[in-house]
Amino acid sequence: MRKARAHKGSKGGTSEDLGERKLIKLIQSHLSVMPGLPVPFGDDVSAVDIGKGRVAVLKTDMLIGKTDVPRGMSLWQAARKAVVMNVSDFAAKGVAPTALLVSLGLPMDFMRKDVEEIARGLNAGAQEYGAYVIGGDTSEASDLVVAISLFGTAKRKALVLRSGAKAGDIVAVTGFFGKPAAGLRLLLEGYAASKELRDVLLSSVCMPKARLCEGLALCRSGAVSASIDSSDGLAWSLHELARMSEVGFVVNSVPVADEVRRFAEFNRLDAMELALHGGEEYELVVTVKSKRWADAETAVEASGGRLLPIGKVTRDRQVLLDVDGVKCPVEERGWEHFKSKI
């Protein structure tokens, strides 16, 4: 099949010109909105009212070989990652997954052992987060495609949306940032690191973890006002929370992983750039009611995780970084399909 070409003067340009976010908005503009939709378009998950104050929570996300599977990642790891990508969005809403459907696009030259490896990775990912693969579809494709549809249920009032942050809330994250961005540079761009550091950074790329326990604990605490999964990068996630909640942020502590600082120093890279704009992270970025901070922190620690305060919510609709009293804008930039390339 020939690639469609944009004609001179055509309205809007190509998918590459638009980028993932503008494409989504374009598609949404042609869709009818379901009355009483529990979760608005643009949040981490979708939901349908099933009565008695409960909702069916749905999420779908695709892993594509060319854009999501770097050299060095096994098919088992890729299939597991496809599950993690979806579970991370459930974690941001405080929802436990129950079941998943999988649609596989497989190249013609895939061997039996390749398919078995994918199946084992899917099952491992599902079981890791208490869910089951219950069906799906397969088809021939020119590249590996693993499309997951995740299902769970929750109390409608318990869902933590992107739109609830209020001025005065505390901005927090569930971990340190930058390791996947550094790991990808090791894999793809020939940067150097000690064996110990290399193992840590590559593990963050090939074996990501969704913060499901932390997300469920935060939801149960009732202390969180808004939440988002950070897979497109910390900076973009902050901007998206600010936009959906109609607030701003002042960040006074960027949670850069120590391994990233060491990697950046050795390779003369900007550690802050890796942490803010790298993407491929699966931490949660949340806003916590200031008077309930202790409740949120205790809940996360009891789940085996940690909660790191990084700033405050403001009325001014800007995302600013405060370094020694000097405020500067945080650029709205992160991973975006059709624009970002592995």
C-alpha atoms as a PDB file:
ATOM      1  CA  MET A   1       0.000   0.000   0.000  1.00  0.00           C
ATOM      2  CA  ARG A   2       1.402   3.401  -0.924  1.00  0.00           C
ATOM      3  CA  LYS A   3       1.862   6.018   1.757  1.00  0.00           C
ATOM      4  CA  ALA A   4      -0.697   8.781   1.438  1.00  0.00           C
ATOM      5  CA  ARG A   5       0.907  12.121   0.606  1.00  0.00           C
ATOM      6  CA  ALA A   6      -0.276  15.501   1.781  1.00  0.00           C
ATOM      7  CA  HIS A   7      -1.229  17.641  -1.210  1.00  0.00           C
ATOM      8  CA  LYS A   8      -0.084  21.202  -1.424  1.00  0.00           C
ATOM      9  CA  GLY A   9      -2.646  23.425   0.203  1.00  0.00           C
ATOM     10  CA  SER A  10      -4.355  20.542   2.002  1.00  0.00           C
ATOM     11  CA  LYS A  11      -5.926  21.547   5.292  1.00  0.00           C
ATOM     12  CA  GLY A  12      -4.071  20.570   8.434  1.00  0.00           C
ATOM     13  CA  GLY A  13      -1.085  18.663   7.022  1.00  0.00           C
ATOM     14  CA  THR A  14       0.052  15.138   7.901  1.00  0.00           C
ATOM     15  CA  SER A  15      -0.134  13.079  11.086  1.00  0.00           C
ATOM     16  CA  GLU A  16       3.493  14.035  11.714  1.00  0.00           C
ATOM     17  CA  ASP A  17       2.632  17.727  11.371  1.00  0.00           C
ATOM     18  CA  LEU A  18      -0.271  17.412  13.801  1.00  0.00           C
ATOM     19  CA  GLY A  19       1.234  15.124  16.410  1.00  0.00           C
ATOM     20  CA  GLU A  20      -0.630  12.729  18.695  1.00  0.00           C
ATOM     21  CA  ARG A  21      -2.399  15.332  20.850  1.00  0.00           C
ATOM     22  CA  LYS A  22      -3.815  17.394  18.002  1.00  0.00           C
ATOM     23  CA  LEU A  23      -4.884  14.187  16.245  1.00  0.00           C
ATOM     24  CA  ILE A  24      -6.804  13.073  19.337  1.00  0.00           C
ATOM     25  CA  LYS A  25      -8.550  16.441  19.590  1.00  0.00           C
ATOM     26  CA  LEU A  26      -9.397  16.281  15.887  1.00  0.00           C
ATOM     27  CA  ILE A  27     -10.982  12.842  16.267  1.00  0.00           C
ATOM     28  CA  GLN A  28     -12.862  13.865  19.405  1.00  0.00           C
ATOM     29  CA  SER A  29     -14.360  16.856  17.609  1.00  0.00           C
ATOM     30  CA  HIS A  30     -16.232  14.430  15.333  1.00  0.00           C
ATOM     31  CA  LEU A  31     -17.558  12.173  18.117  1.00  0.00           C
ATOM     32  CA  SER A  32     -20.872  12.348  19.946  1.00  0.00           C
ATOM     33  CA  VAL A  33     -20.368  12.676  23.702  1.00  0.00           C
ATOM     34  CA  MET A  34     -22.200  10.072  25.794  1.00  0.00           C
ATOM     35  CA  PRO A  35     -24.652  11.769  28.199  1.00  0.00           C
ATOM     36  CA  GLY A  36     -23.498  11.625  31.820  1.00  0.00           C
ATOM     37  CA  LEU A  37     -20.009  10.453  30.901  1.00  0.00           C
ATOM     38  CA  PRO A  38     -18.278   9.780  34.270  1.00  0.00           C
ATOM     39  CA  VAL A  39     -14.780  10.633  33.011  1.00  0.00           C
ATOM     40  CA  PRO A  40     -14.326  13.393  30.412  1.00  0.00           C
ATOM     41  CA  PHE A  41     -12.346  12.960  27.216  1.00  0.00           C
ATOM     42  CA  GLY A  42      -8.663  13.576  27.832  1.00  0.00           C
ATOM     43  CA  ASP A  43      -8.218  11.842  31.185  1.00  0.00           C
ATOM     44  CA  ASP A  44      -6.110   8.714  31.783  1.00  0.00           C
ATOM     45  CA  VAL A  45      -9.038   6.278  31.438  1.00  0.00           C
ATOM     46  CA  SER A  46     -12.614   6.103  30.183  1.00  0.00           C
ATOM     47  CA  ALA A  47     -15.665   4.960  32.159  1.00  0.00           C
ATOM     48  CA  VAL A  48     -19.307   3.962  31.762  1.00  0.00           C
ATOM     49  CA  ASP A  49     -21.965   4.162  34.484  1.00  0.00           C
ATOM     50  CA  ILE A  50     -23.186   0.672  35.450  1.00  0.00           C
ATOM     51  CA  GLY A  51     -25.566   1.735  38.194  1.00  0.00           C
ATOM     52  CA  LYS A  52     -25.611   1.808  42.012  1.00  0.00           C
ATOM     53  CA  GLY A  53     -22.862   4.403  42.091  1.00  0.00           C
ATOM     54  CA  ARG A  54     -20.348   2.229  40.245  1.00  0.00           C
ATOM     55  CA  VAL A  55     -18.594   2.544  36.908  1.00  0.00           C
ATOM     56  CA  ALA A  56     -16.891   0.209  34.474  1.00  0.00           C
ATOM     57  CA  VAL A  57     -13.412   1.629  33.915  1.00  0.00           C
ATOM     58  CA  LEU A  58     -11.789   1.092  30.515  1.00  0.00           C
ATOM     59  CA  LYS A  59      -8.385   1.792  29.045  1.00  0.00           C
ATOM     60  CA  THR A  60      -6.746   0.925  25.739  1.00  0.00           C
ATOM     61  CA  ASP A  61      -3.168   1.541  24.678  1.00  0.00           C
ATOM     62  CA  MET A  62      -0.928   0.127  21.969  1.00  0.00           C
ATOM     63  CA  LEU A  63       2.693  -0.919  21.926  1.00  0.00           C
ATOM     64  CA  ILE A  64       4.298  -0.706  18.468  1.00  0.00           C
ATOM     65  CA  GLY A  65       7.590  -2.357  17.679  1.00  0.00           C
ATOM     66  CA  LYS A  66       9.147   0.587  15.844  1.00  0.00           C
ATOM     67  CA  THR A  67       8.269   3.282  18.394  1.00  0.00           C
ATOM     68  CA  ASP A  68       8.040   1.437  21.715  1.00  0.00           C
ATOM     69  CA  VAL A  69      10.514  -1.453  21.599  1.00  0.00           C
ATOM     70  CA  PRO A  70      14.142  -0.323  21.586  1.00  0.00           C
ATOM     71  CA  ARG A  71      17.018  -2.594  20.651  1.00  0.00           C
ATOM     72  CA  GLY A  72      17.885  -4.836  23.568  1.00  0.00           C
ATOM     73  CA  MET A  73      14.309  -5.301  24.792  1.00  0.00           C
ATOM     74  CA  SER A  74      13.076  -8.890  24.524  1.00  0.00           C
ATOM     75  CA  LEU A  75       9.622  -9.796  23.226  1.00  0.00           C
ATOM     76  CA  TRP A  76       8.720 -11.014  26.739  1.00  0.00           C
ATOM     77  CA  GLN A  77       9.668  -7.612  28.129  1.00  0.00           C
ATOM     78  CA  ALA A  78       7.819  -5.805  25.339  1.00  0.00           C
ATOM     79  CA  ALA A  79       4.599  -7.747  25.972  1.00  0.00           C
ATOM     80  CA  ARG A  80       4.837  -7.146  29.699  1.00  0.00           C
ATOM     81  CA  LYS A  81       5.491  -3.432  29.074  1.00  0.00           C
ATOM     82  CA  ALA A  82       2.292  -3.259  27.006  1.00  0.00           C
ATOM     83  CA  VAL A  83       0.374  -4.358  30.103  1.00  0.00           C
ATOM     84  CA  VAL A  84       2.270  -1.977  32.396  1.00  0.00           C
ATOM     85  CA  MET A  85       1.453   0.979  30.119  1.00  0.00           C
ATOM     86  CA  ASN A  86      -2.260   0.372  30.636  1.00  0.00           C
ATOM     87  CA  VAL A  87      -2.096  -0.512  34.328  1.00  0.00           C
ATOM     88  CA  SER A  88      -0.230   2.731  35.037  1.00  0.00           C
ATOM     89  CA  ASP A  89      -3.250   4.725  33.845  1.00  0.00           C
ATOM     90  CA  PHE A  90      -5.513   2.677  36.131  1.00  0.00           C
ATOM     91  CA  ALA A  91      -3.097   3.399  38.977  1.00  0.00           C
ATOM     92  CA  ALA A  92      -3.473   7.128  38.378  1.00  0.00           C
ATOM     93  CA  LYS A  93      -7.223   6.828  38.891  1.00  0.00           C
ATOM     94  CA  GLY A  94      -6.987   4.509  41.893  1.00  0.00           C
ATOM     95  CA  VAL A  95      -8.588   1.548  40.079  1.00  0.00           C
ATOM     96  CA  ALA A  96      -7.572  -2.116  40.297  1.00  0.00           C
ATOM     97  CA  PRO A  97      -7.634  -3.949  36.928  1.00  0.00           C
ATOM     98  CA  THR A  98      -9.705  -7.106  36.598  1.00  0.00           C
ATOM     99  CA  ALA A  99      -9.243  -8.358  33.046  1.00  0.00           C
ATOM    100  CA  LEU A 100      -7.703  -7.468  29.711  1.00  0.00           C
ATOM    101  CA  LEU A 101      -8.246  -8.181  26.045  1.00  0.00           C
ATOM    102  CA  VAL A 102      -5.244  -8.324  23.719  1.00  0.00           C
ATOM    103  CA  SER A 103      -5.142  -7.697  19.991  1.00  0.00           C
ATOM    104  CA  LEU A 104      -1.876  -8.778  18.379  1.00  0.00           C
ATOM    105  CA  GLY A 105      -0.530  -7.655  15.040  1.00  0.00           C
ATOM    106  CA  LEU A 106       2.269 -10.072  14.111  1.00  0.00           C
ATOM    107  CA  PRO A 107       4.725  -9.923  11.198  1.00  0.00           C
ATOM    108  CA  MET A 108       4.679 -12.950   8.904  1.00  0.00           C
ATOM    109  CA  ASP A 109       8.236 -13.968   9.834  1.00  0.00           C
ATOM    110  CA  PHE A 110       7.605 -14.304  13.576  1.00  0.00           C
ATOM    111  CA  MET A 111       8.526 -17.776  14.820  1.00  0.00           C
ATOM    112  CA  ARG A 112       6.536 -20.015  17.155  1.00  0.00           C
ATOM    113  CA  LYS A 113       8.998 -19.242  19.973  1.00  0.00           C
ATOM    114  CA  ASP A 114       8.436 -15.497  19.415  1.00  0.00           C
ATOM    115  CA  VAL A 115       4.670 -15.871  19.844  1.00  0.00           C
ATOM    116  CA  GLU A 116       5.137 -18.017  22.941  1.00  0.00           C
ATOM    117  CA  GLU A 117       7.463 -15.396  24.419  1.00  0.00           C
ATOM    118  CA  ILE A 118       4.857 -12.677  23.823  1.00  0.00           C
ATOM    119  CA  ALA A 119       2.133 -14.804  25.423  1.00  0.00           C
ATOM    120  CA  ARG A 120       4.267 -15.439  28.497  1.00  0.00           C
ATOM    121  CA  GLY A 121       5.050 -11.735  28.806  1.00  0.00           C
ATOM    122  CA  LEU A 122       1.374 -10.803  28.588  1.00  0.00           C
ATOM    123  CA  ASN A 123       0.451 -13.316  31.253  1.00  0.00           C
ATOM    124  CA  ALA A 124       3.297 -12.242  33.538  1.00  0.00           C
ATOM    125  CA  GLY A 125       2.277  -8.592  33.264  1.00  0.00           C
ATOM    126  CA  ALA A 126      -1.388  -9.322  33.942  1.00  0.00           C
ATOM    127  CA  GLN A 127      -0.668 -11.581  36.922  1.00  0.00           C
ATOM    128  CA  GLU A 128       1.795  -9.066  38.384  1.00  0.00           C
ATOM    129  CA  TYR A 129      -1.122  -6.656  38.825  1.00  0.00           C
ATOM    130  CA  GLY A 130      -3.836  -9.142  39.754  1.00  0.00           C
ATOM    131  CA  ALA A 131      -5.556  -9.335  36.351  1.00  0.00           C
ATOM    132  CA  TYR A 132      -6.181 -11.972  33.682  1.00  0.00           C
ATOM    133  CA  VAL A 133      -6.037 -12.074  29.898  1.00  0.00           C
ATOM    134  CA  ILE A 134      -9.524 -13.259  28.908  1.00  0.00           C
ATOM    135  CA  GLY A 135      -9.446 -13.023  25.098  1.00  0.00           C
ATOM    136  CA  GLY A 136      -8.464 -10.947  22.094  1.00  0.00           C
ATOM    137  CA  ASP A 137      -7.593 -11.106  18.410  1.00  0.00           C
ATOM    138  CA  THR A 138      -4.636 -11.703  16.103  1.00  0.00           C
ATOM    139  CA  SER A 139      -3.865 -10.366  12.661  1.00  0.00           C
ATOM    140  CA  GLU A 140      -1.036 -10.061  10.158  1.00  0.00           C
ATOM    141  CA  ALA A 141       0.872  -6.768  10.406  1.00  0.00           C
ATOM    142  CA  SER A 142       4.020  -5.185   9.011  1.00  0.00           C
ATOM    143  CA  ASP A 143       5.268  -4.462  12.541  1.00  0.00           C
ATOM    144  CA  LEU A 144       4.635  -5.860  16.014  1.00  0.00           C
ATOM    145  CA  VAL A 145       1.432  -4.411  17.506  1.00  0.00           C
ATOM    146  CA  VAL A 146       0.270  -5.254  21.034  1.00  0.00           C
ATOM    147  CA  ALA A 147      -3.023  -3.484  21.742  1.00  0.00           C
ATOM    148  CA  ILE A 148      -4.340  -3.901  25.276  1.00  0.00           C
ATOM    149  CA  SER A 149      -7.867  -3.133  26.473  1.00  0.00           C
ATOM    150  CA  LEU A 150      -8.024  -3.072  30.266  1.00  0.00           C
ATOM    151  CA  PHE A 151     -11.188  -3.426  32.353  1.00  0.00           C
ATOM    152  CA  GLY A 152     -12.050  -2.838  36.003  1.00  0.00           C
ATOM    153  CA  THR A 153     -14.805  -1.414  38.194  1.00  0.00           C
ATOM    154  CA  ALA A 154     -14.847   1.304  40.821  1.00  0.00           C
ATOM    155  CA  LYS A 155     -17.068   3.602  42.822  1.00  0.00           C
ATOM    156  CA  ARG A 156     -17.784   6.615  40.655  1.00  0.00           C
ATOM    157  CA  LYS A 157     -17.071   9.089  43.458  1.00  0.00           C
ATOM    158  CA  ALA A 158     -13.731   7.449  44.223  1.00  0.00           C
ATOM    159  CA  LEU A 159     -12.144   8.103  40.804  1.00  0.00           C
ATOM    160  CA  VAL A 160      -9.259  10.573  41.016  1.00  0.00           C
ATOM    161  CA  LEU A 161      -9.445  12.714  37.861  1.00  0.00           C
ATOM    162  CA  ARG A 162      -6.963  15.156  36.358  1.00  0.00           C
ATOM    163  CA  SER A 163      -9.293  18.057  37.013  1.00  0.00           C
ATOM    164  CA  GLY A 164      -9.510  18.395  40.806  1.00  0.00           C
ATOM    165  CA  ALA A 165      -6.365  20.303  41.813  1.00  0.00           C
ATOM    166  CA  LYS A 166      -6.898  23.457  43.895  1.00  0.00           C
ATOM    167  CA  ALA A 167      -4.615  26.372  44.766  1.00  0.00           C
ATOM    168  CA  GLY A 168      -2.672  25.533  47.912  1.00  0.00           C
ATOM    169  CA  ASP A 169      -2.533  21.788  47.248  1.00  0.00           C
ATOM    170  CA  ILE A 170       0.863  20.078  47.382  1.00  0.00           C
ATOM    171  CA  VAL A 171       2.284  18.621  44.146  1.00  0.00           C
ATOM    172  CA  ALA A 172       3.943  15.242  44.670  1.00  0.00           C
ATOM    173  CA  VAL A 173       5.318  12.241  42.777  1.00  0.00           C
ATOM    174  CA  THR A 174       5.807   8.575  43.603  1.00  0.00           C
ATOM    175  CA  GLY A 175       9.475   8.346  42.615  1.00  0.00           C
ATOM    176  CA  PHE A 176      12.533   9.879  40.983  1.00  0.00           C
ATOM    177  CA  PHE A 177      12.763  10.685  37.279  1.00  0.00           C
ATOM    178  CA  GLY A 178      15.128  10.413  34.323  1.00  0.00           C
ATOM    179  CA  LYS A 179      16.300   6.795  34.384  1.00  0.00           C
ATOM    180  CA  PRO A 180      14.424   5.613  31.257  1.00  0.00           C
ATOM    181  CA  ALA A 181      15.627   8.648  29.288  1.00  0.00           C
ATOM    182  CA  ALA A 182      19.203   7.898  30.335  1.00  0.00           C
ATOM    183  CA  GLY A 183      18.742   4.193  29.581  1.00  0.00           C
ATOM    184  CA  LEU A 184      17.491   4.946  26.076  1.00  0.00           C
ATOM    185  CA  ARG A 185      20.561   7.043  25.412  1.00  0.00           C
ATOM    186  CA  LEU A 186      22.707   4.095  26.449  1.00  0.00           C
ATOM    187  CA  LEU A 187      20.810   1.776  24.110  1.00  0.00           C
ATOM    188  CA  LEU A 188      20.421   4.046  21.118  1.00  0.00           C
ATOM    189  CA  GLU A 189      23.065   6.757  21.178  1.00  0.00           C
ATOM    190  CA  GLY A 190      26.214   5.062  22.411  1.00  0.00           C
ATOM    191  CA  TYR A 191      26.671   6.874  25.709  1.00  0.00           C
ATOM    192  CA  ALA A 192      28.770   5.214  28.401  1.00  0.00           C
ATOM    193  CA  ALA A 193      28.219   4.096  32.007  1.00  0.00           C
ATOM    194  CA  SER A 194      29.677   1.673  34.506  1.00  0.00           C
ATOM    195  CA  LYS A 195      28.208  -1.837  34.470  1.00  0.00           C
ATOM    196  CA  GLU A 196      26.356  -1.253  37.734  1.00  0.00           C
ATOM    197  CA  LEU A 197      24.851   2.019  36.515  1.00  0.00           C
ATOM    198  CA  ARG A 198      24.110   0.585  33.083  1.00  0.00           C
ATOM    199  CA  ASP A 199      22.167  -2.324  34.612  1.00  0.00           C
ATOM    200  CA  VAL A 200      19.977   0.045  36.658  1.00  0.00           C
ATOM    201  CA  LEU A 201      19.248   2.367  33.734  1.00  0.00           C
ATOM    202  CA  LEU A 202      18.500  -0.423  31.247  1.00  0.00           C
ATOM    203  CA  SER A 203      16.218  -2.159  33.750  1.00  0.00           C
ATOM    204  CA  SER A 204      14.143   1.031  33.973  1.00  0.00           C
ATOM    205  CA  VAL A 205      13.603   0.826  30.198  1.00  0.00           C
ATOM    206  CA  CYS A 206      13.024  -2.906  29.826  1.00  0.00           C
ATOM    207  CA  MET A 207      11.250  -3.657  33.126  1.00  0.00           C
ATOM    208  CA  PRO A 208       9.110  -0.613  33.996  1.00  0.00           C
ATOM    209  CA  LYS A 209       6.741  -0.814  36.959  1.00  0.00           C
ATOM    210  CA  ALA A 210       3.274   0.688  37.346  1.00  0.00           C
ATOM    211  CA  ARG A 211       2.590   2.328  40.730  1.00  0.00           C
ATOM    212  CA  LEU A 212      -0.676   0.459  41.244  1.00  0.00           C
ATOM    213  CA  CYS A 213      -0.276  -0.154  44.996  1.00  0.00           C
ATOM    214  CA  GLU A 214       0.532   3.513  45.526  1.00  0.00           C
ATOM    215  CA  GLY A 215      -2.385   4.655  43.362  1.00  0.00           C
ATOM    216  CA  LEU A 216      -4.871   2.466  45.204  1.00  0.00           C
ATOM    217  CA  ALA A 217      -3.523   3.625  48.570  1.00  0.00           C
ATOM    218  CA  LEU A 218      -3.772   7.292  47.574  1.00  0.00           C
ATOM    219  CA  CYS A 219      -7.342   6.791  46.386  1.00  0.00           C
ATOM    220  CA  ARG A 220      -8.341   5.117  49.640  1.00  0.00           C
ATOM    221  CA  SER A 221      -6.746   7.922  51.675  1.00  0.00           C
ATOM    222  CA  GLY A 222      -9.124  10.506  50.219  1.00  0.00           C
ATOM    223  CA  ALA A 223      -6.272  13.033  50.374  1.00  0.00           C
ATOM    224  CA  VAL A 224      -5.616  13.354  46.631  1.00  0.00           C
ATOM    225  CA  SER A 225      -7.376  16.002  44.532  1.00  0.00           C
ATOM    226  CA  ALA A 226      -5.935  15.178  41.080  1.00  0.00           C
ATOM    227  CA  SER A 227      -3.674  12.560  39.525  1.00  0.00           C
ATOM    228  CA  ILE A 228      -2.000  11.628  36.238  1.00  0.00           C
ATOM    229  CA  ASP A 229       0.336   8.928  34.940  1.00  0.00           C
ATOM    230  CA  SER A 230       3.697  10.386  33.896  1.00  0.00           C
ATOM    231  CA  SER A 231       4.495   8.177  30.897  1.00  0.00           C
ATOM    232  CA  ASP A 232       4.795  11.178  28.551  1.00  0.00           C
ATOM    233  CA  GLY A 233       7.228  12.947  30.880  1.00  0.00           C
ATOM    234  CA  LEU A 234       7.121  14.948  34.097  1.00  0.00           C
ATOM    235  CA  ALA A 235       6.936  18.362  32.428  1.00  0.00           C
ATOM    236  CA  TRP A 236       4.089  17.402  30.104  1.00  0.00           C
ATOM    237  CA  SER A 237       2.208  15.730  32.954  1.00  0.00           C
ATOM    238  CA  LEU A 238       2.409  18.895  35.056  1.00  0.00           C
ATOM    239  CA  HIS A 239       1.142  21.000  32.161  1.00  0.00           C
ATOM    240  CA  GLU A 240      -1.718  18.567  31.527  1.00  0.00           C
ATOM    241  CA  LEU A 241      -2.789  18.590  35.185  1.00  0.00           C
ATOM    242  CA  ALA A 242      -2.616  22.386  35.192  1.00  0.00           C
ATOM    243  CA  ARG A 243      -4.710  22.612  32.025  1.00  0.00           C
ATOM    244  CA  MET A 244      -7.376  20.148  33.161  1.00  0.00           C
ATOM    245  CA  SER A 245      -7.628  21.666  36.655  1.00  0.00           C
ATOM    246  CA  GLU A 246      -7.316  25.290  35.449  1.00  0.00           C
ATOM    247  CA  VAL A 247      -4.484  25.996  37.891  1.00  0.00           C
ATOM    248  CA  GLY A 248      -0.722  26.477  37.837  1.00  0.00           C
ATOM    249  CA  PHE A 249       2.290  24.983  39.611  1.00  0.00           C
ATOM    250  CA  VAL A 250       5.475  26.220  41.196  1.00  0.00           C
ATOM    251  CA  VAL A 251       7.986  23.373  41.336  1.00  0.00           C
ATOM    252  CA  ASN A 252      10.833  23.897  43.774  1.00  0.00           C
ATOM    253  CA  SER A 253      12.338  20.408  43.758  1.00  0.00           C
ATOM    254  CA  VAL A 254      12.756  18.355  40.569  1.00  0.00           C
ATOM    255  CA  PRO A 255      13.071  14.680  41.628  1.00  0.00           C
ATOM    256  CA  VAL A 256      16.135  13.705  39.582  1.00  0.00           C
ATOM    257  CA  ALA A 257      17.315  10.142  40.244  1.00  0.00           C
ATOM    258  CA  ASP A 258      20.841   9.907  41.645  1.00  0.00           C
ATOM    259  CA  GLU A 259      21.795   7.461  38.874  1.00  0.00           C
ATOM    260  CA  VAL A 260      20.711  10.062  36.314  1.00  0.00           C
ATOM    261  CA  ARG A 261      22.875  12.749  37.903  1.00  0.00           C
ATOM    262  CA  ARG A 262      25.892  10.440  37.757  1.00  0.00           C
ATOM    263  CA  PHE A 263      25.155   9.396  34.165  1.00  0.00           C
ATOM    264  CA  ALA A 264      24.626  13.000  33.061  1.00  0.00           C
ATOM    265  CA  GLU A 265      27.818  14.231  34.734  1.00  0.00           C
ATOM    266  CA  PHE A 266      29.925  11.485  33.143  1.00  0.00           C
ATOM    267  CA  ASN A 267      28.452  12.075  29.671  1.00  0.00           C
ATOM    268  CA  ARG A 268      28.164  15.877  29.910  1.00  0.00           C
ATOM    269  CA  LEU A 269      24.385  15.837  29.620  1.00  0.00           C
ATOM    270  CA  ASP A 270      21.719  17.889  31.404  1.00  0.00           C
ATOM    271  CA  ALA A 271      20.242  15.780  34.218  1.00  0.00           C
ATOM    272  CA  MET A 272      17.325  18.194  34.599  1.00  0.00           C
ATOM    273  CA  GLU A 273      16.460  17.778  30.912  1.00  0.00           C
ATOM    274  CA  LEU A 274      16.427  13.985  31.262  1.00  0.00           C
ATOM    275  CA  ALA A 275      14.178  14.149  34.340  1.00  0.00           C
ATOM    276  CA  LEU A 276      11.712  16.763  33.088  1.00  0.00           C
ATOM    277  CA  HIS A 277      11.339  15.852  29.427  1.00  0.00           C
ATOM    278  CA  GLY A 278      12.512  12.254  28.992  1.00  0.00           C
ATOM    279  CA  GLY A 279       9.226  10.347  29.124  1.00  0.00           C
ATOM    280  CA  GLU A 280       8.747   6.577  29.393  1.00  0.00           C
ATOM    281  CA  GLU A 281       8.268   7.045  33.158  1.00  0.00           C
ATOM    282  CA  TYR A 282       5.434   5.304  34.992  1.00  0.00           C
ATOM    283  CA  GLU A 283       5.364   7.331  38.178  1.00  0.00           C
ATOM    284  CA  LEU A 284       2.236   9.109  39.398  1.00  0.00           C
ATOM    285  CA  VAL A 285       2.048  12.895  39.561  1.00  0.00           C
ATOM    286  CA  VAL A 286      -0.580  13.934  42.113  1.00  0.00           C
ATOM    287  CA  THR A 287      -1.908  16.934  43.989  1.00  0.00           C
ATOM    288  CA  VAL A 288      -2.603  16.445  47.680  1.00  0.00           C
ATOM    289  CA  LYS A 289      -4.855  18.547  49.914  1.00  0.00           C
ATOM    290  CA  SER A 290      -2.406  20.402  52.141  1.00  0.00           C
ATOM    291  CA  LYS A 291      -4.166  19.489  55.391  1.00  0.00           C
ATOM    292  CA  ARG A 292      -4.195  15.807  54.364  1.00  0.00           C
ATOM    293  CA  TRP A 293      -0.516  15.461  53.417  1.00  0.00           C
ATOM    294  CA  ALA A 294       0.286  13.212  56.380  1.00  0.00           C
ATOM    295  CA  ASP A 295      -2.597  10.890  55.431  1.00  0.00           C
ATOM    296  CA  ALA A 296      -1.370  10.594  51.843  1.00  0.00           C
ATOM    297  CA  GLU A 297       2.258  10.058  52.831  1.00  0.00           C
ATOM    298  CA  THR A 298       1.356   7.424  55.431  1.00  0.00           C
ATOM    299  CA  ALA A 299      -0.910   5.580  52.980  1.00  0.00           C
ATOM    300  CA  VAL A 300       1.798   5.387  50.305  1.00  0.00           C
ATOM    301  CA  GLU A 301       4.472   4.286  52.769  1.00  0.00           C
ATOM    302  CA  ALA A 302       2.139   1.563  54.068  1.00  0.00           C
ATOM    303  CA  SER A 303       1.776   0.312  50.477  1.00  0.00           C
ATOM    304  CA  GLY A 304       5.552  -0.036  50.179  1.00  0.00           C
ATOM    305  CA  GLY A 305       6.115   3.156  48.206  1.00  0.00           C
ATOM    306  CA  ARG A 306       7.117   6.755  48.800  1.00  0.00           C
ATOM    307  CA  LEU A 307       5.603  10.160  48.146  1.00  0.00           C
ATOM    308  CA  LEU A 308       7.913  13.068  47.301  1.00  0.00           C
ATOM    309  CA  PRO A 309       6.634  16.670  47.537  1.00  0.00           C
ATOM    310  CA  ILE A 310       7.937  18.795  44.647  1.00  0.00           C
ATOM    311  CA  GLY A 311       5.910  22.020  44.747  1.00  0.00           C
ATOM    312  CA  LYS A 312       2.602  23.823  45.200  1.00  0.00           C
ATOM    313  CA  VAL A 313      -0.556  24.462  43.206  1.00  0.00           C
ATOM    314  CA  THR A 314      -1.178  28.126  42.363  1.00  0.00           C
ATOM    315  CA  ARG A 315      -4.026  30.169  40.881  1.00  0.00           C
ATOM    316  CA  ASP A 316      -1.727  31.506  38.158  1.00  0.00           C
ATOM    317  CA  ARG A 317      -2.048  29.161  35.172  1.00  0.00           C
ATOM    318  CA  GLN A 318       1.661  28.719  34.615  1.00  0.00           C
ATOM    319  CA  VAL A 319       4.042  25.863  35.348  1.00  0.00           C
ATOM    320  CA  LEU A 320       7.141  27.427  36.862  1.00  0.00           C
ATOM    321  CA  LEU A 321      10.410  26.099  38.231  1.00  0.00           C
ATOM    322  CA  ASP A 322      11.691  27.992  41.288  1.00  0.00           C
ATOM    323  CA  VAL A 323      15.475  27.807  41.599  1.00  0.00           C
ATOM    324  CA  ASP A 324      16.818  29.829  44.534  1.00  0.00           C
ATOM    325  CA  GLY A 325      13.933  32.256  44.302  1.00  0.00           C
ATOM    326  CA  VAL A 326      14.211  32.745  40.537  1.00  0.00           C
ATOM    327  CA  LYS A 327      11.160  31.452  38.664  1.00  0.00           C
ATOM    328  CA  CYS A 328      11.306  30.310  35.040  1.00  0.00           C
ATOM    329  CA  PRO A 329       8.699  28.548  32.863  1.00  0.00           C
ATOM    330  CA  VAL A 330       8.851  24.769  32.492  1.00  0.00           C
ATOM    331  CA  GLU A 331       8.657  23.998  28.778  1.00  0.00           C
ATOM    332  CA  GLU A 332       5.636  21.908  27.776  1.00  0.00           C
ATOM    333  CA  ARG A 333       7.506  19.104  26.114  1.00  0.00           C
ATOM    334  CA  GLY A 334       7.649  15.304  26.403  1.00  0.00           C
ATOM    335  CA  TRP A 335       7.024  12.096  24.458  1.00  0.00           C
ATOM    336  CA  GLU A 336       4.510  12.452  21.632  1.00  0.00           C
ATOM    337  CA  HIS A 337       3.707   9.861  18.961  1.00  0.00           C
ATOM    338  CA  PHE A 338       4.200  10.994  15.341  1.00  0.00           C
ATOM    339  CA  LYS A 339       6.769  13.548  16.578  1.00  0.00           C
ATOM    340  CA  SER A 340       9.073  11.756  19.047  1.00  0.00           C
ATOM    341  CA  LYS A 341      11.302   8.984  17.720  1.00  0.00           C
ATOM    342  CA  ILE A 342      13.098   6.129  19.467  1.00  0.00           C
END
